[in-house]
Amino acid sequence: MFGPNPSGYLIHTDEGRMIAILMRSDRVPPKEDADGAALFKSMMAYTGNCRTEGEDKYICNVDFAWHPSWNGTEQNRFFKLDGDTLSITTGQQTHPMFPGRTGRGIITWTRA
């Protein structure tokens, strides 16, 4: 969905807030309204307070998201930390921008 080399940031604060923004790395400024709509489908961003469960799961209580259907939801993620590399996996889910299309997201973040 975000191409082979997505760009983004994942920030966790000491207070337990998570902020994530992720997008395709090949985005270009829109020339027409339809181009702007396509840009919306090539990114995601959300924030909320998080908690961990067990040794490999965290849950974000979303209060603000790029797509309003995520506001007020809990987003469950599974994680694995290996040195400076954090891998995050979603469970099987339907994406809000693509109704009827299910999948599982896997992304790897490396500390800069």
Protein backbone atom coordinates (compact mmCIF):
# COMPACT_ATOMS: atom_id res chain seq x y z
CA MET A 1 0.00 0.00 0.00
CA PHE A 2 2.85 2.43 0.79
CA GLY A 3 5.33 1.05 -1.73
CA PRO A 4 8.60 -0.78 -1.20
CA ASN A 5 10.31 2.03 0.75
CA PRO A 6 7.77 3.97 2.84
CA SER A 7 8.86 7.02 4.83
CA GLY A 8 7.70 8.05 8.24
CA TYR A 9 8.22 8.49 11.94
CA LEU A 10 7.12 6.63 15.02
CA ILE A 11 7.42 8.57 18.28
CA HIS A 12 6.74 7.24 21.76
CA THR A 13 6.82 9.70 24.66
CA ASP A 14 7.61 9.03 28.31
CA GLU A 15 3.95 9.84 29.10
CA GLY A 16 2.76 6.89 26.97
CA ARG A 17 1.67 8.77 23.85
CA MET A 18 2.42 7.35 20.43
CA ILE A 19 2.50 9.43 17.25
CA ALA A 20 2.91 7.75 13.87
CA ILE A 21 3.00 9.07 10.32
CA LEU A 22 3.73 6.84 7.37
CA MET A 23 3.59 7.52 3.63
CA ARG A 24 4.78 6.42 0.23
CA SER A 25 8.20 7.86 -0.50
CA ASP A 26 7.33 8.75 -4.11
CA ARG A 27 4.56 11.30 -3.36
CA VAL A 28 4.49 14.47 -5.49
CA PRO A 29 2.53 17.72 -5.02
CA PRO A 30 -1.01 17.52 -6.48
CA LYS A 31 -1.89 19.31 -9.72
CA GLU A 32 -5.65 18.69 -9.56
CA ASP A 33 -8.24 17.80 -6.89
CA ALA A 34 -8.13 14.11 -7.86
CA ASP A 35 -4.37 14.11 -7.22
CA GLY A 36 -5.01 15.44 -3.71
CA ALA A 37 -7.46 12.62 -3.03
CA ALA A 38 -4.87 10.09 -4.16
CA LEU A 39 -2.35 11.58 -1.72
CA PHE A 40 -4.78 10.88 1.13
CA LYS A 41 -4.72 7.18 0.18
CA SER A 42 -0.92 7.08 0.18
CA MET A 43 -0.41 7.97 3.86
CA MET A 44 -1.61 7.36 7.38
CA ALA A 45 -1.17 9.18 10.65
CA TYR A 46 -2.59 8.70 14.11
CA THR A 47 -1.89 9.37 17.76
CA GLY A 48 -3.11 8.23 21.14
CA ASN A 49 -2.12 6.85 24.50
CA CYS A 50 -0.62 3.37 24.48
CA ARG A 51 -0.24 0.50 26.86
CA THR A 52 1.58 -2.82 26.59
CA GLU A 53 0.16 -6.28 27.21
CA GLY A 54 2.47 -9.21 27.66
CA GLU A 55 5.90 -9.09 26.12
CA ASP A 56 5.04 -8.36 22.50
CA LYS A 57 1.77 -6.43 22.21
CA TYR A 58 0.85 -2.78 22.54
CA ILE A 59 -2.51 -1.10 22.17
CA CYS A 60 -3.04 2.49 21.10
CA ASN A 61 -6.27 4.24 22.13
CA VAL A 62 -6.58 6.50 19.09
CA ASP A 63 -7.82 10.01 19.76
CA PHE A 64 -6.82 11.63 16.43
CA ALA A 65 -6.28 9.94 13.06
CA TRP A 66 -5.92 10.80 9.39
CA HIS A 67 -9.08 8.77 8.81
CA PRO A 68 -11.96 9.55 11.18
CA SER A 69 -13.07 5.90 11.37
CA TRP A 70 -10.01 5.24 13.58
CA ASN A 71 -10.87 8.00 16.11
CA GLY A 72 -11.96 6.40 19.39
CA THR A 73 -10.74 2.92 18.42
CA GLU A 74 -8.08 0.66 19.89
CA GLN A 75 -5.37 -0.33 17.44
CA ASN A 76 -3.56 -3.53 18.45
CA ARG A 77 0.01 -4.08 17.31
CA PHE A 78 2.65 -6.73 17.93
CA PHE A 79 6.29 -5.73 18.25
CA LYS A 80 9.78 -7.18 18.31
CA LEU A 81 12.85 -5.17 19.31
CA ASP A 82 16.22 -6.40 18.05
CA GLY A 83 19.02 -3.93 18.83
CA ASP A 84 18.10 -0.67 17.07
CA THR A 85 15.44 -2.32 14.90
CA LEU A 86 11.77 -2.34 15.86
CA SER A 87 9.38 -4.52 13.85
CA ILE A 88 5.66 -3.86 14.19
CA THR A 89 2.93 -6.12 12.86
CA THR A 90 -0.81 -5.57 12.73
CA GLY A 91 -3.34 -8.32 13.07
CA GLN A 92 -5.53 -9.21 10.10
CA GLN A 93 -7.70 -6.15 9.45
CA THR A 94 -9.76 -4.25 6.91
CA HIS A 95 -8.19 -0.95 5.92
CA PRO A 96 -10.54 2.07 6.28
CA MET A 97 -9.55 3.45 2.87
CA PHE A 98 -10.14 0.14 1.06
CA PRO A 99 -13.39 -1.47 2.28
CA GLY A 100 -13.53 -5.22 1.71
CA ARG A 101 -9.76 -5.47 1.39
CA THR A 102 -8.08 -7.24 4.28
CA GLY A 103 -4.45 -7.66 5.09
CA ARG A 104 -1.74 -7.49 7.69
CA GLY A 105 0.84 -4.73 7.83
CA ILE A 106 4.47 -5.27 8.76
CA ILE A 107 6.87 -2.37 9.08
CA THR A 108 10.40 -2.12 10.38
CA TRP A 109 11.77 1.02 12.02
CA THR A 110 15.47 1.59 12.58
CA ARG A 111 16.67 4.09 15.17
CA ALA A 112 18.41 7.01 13.47
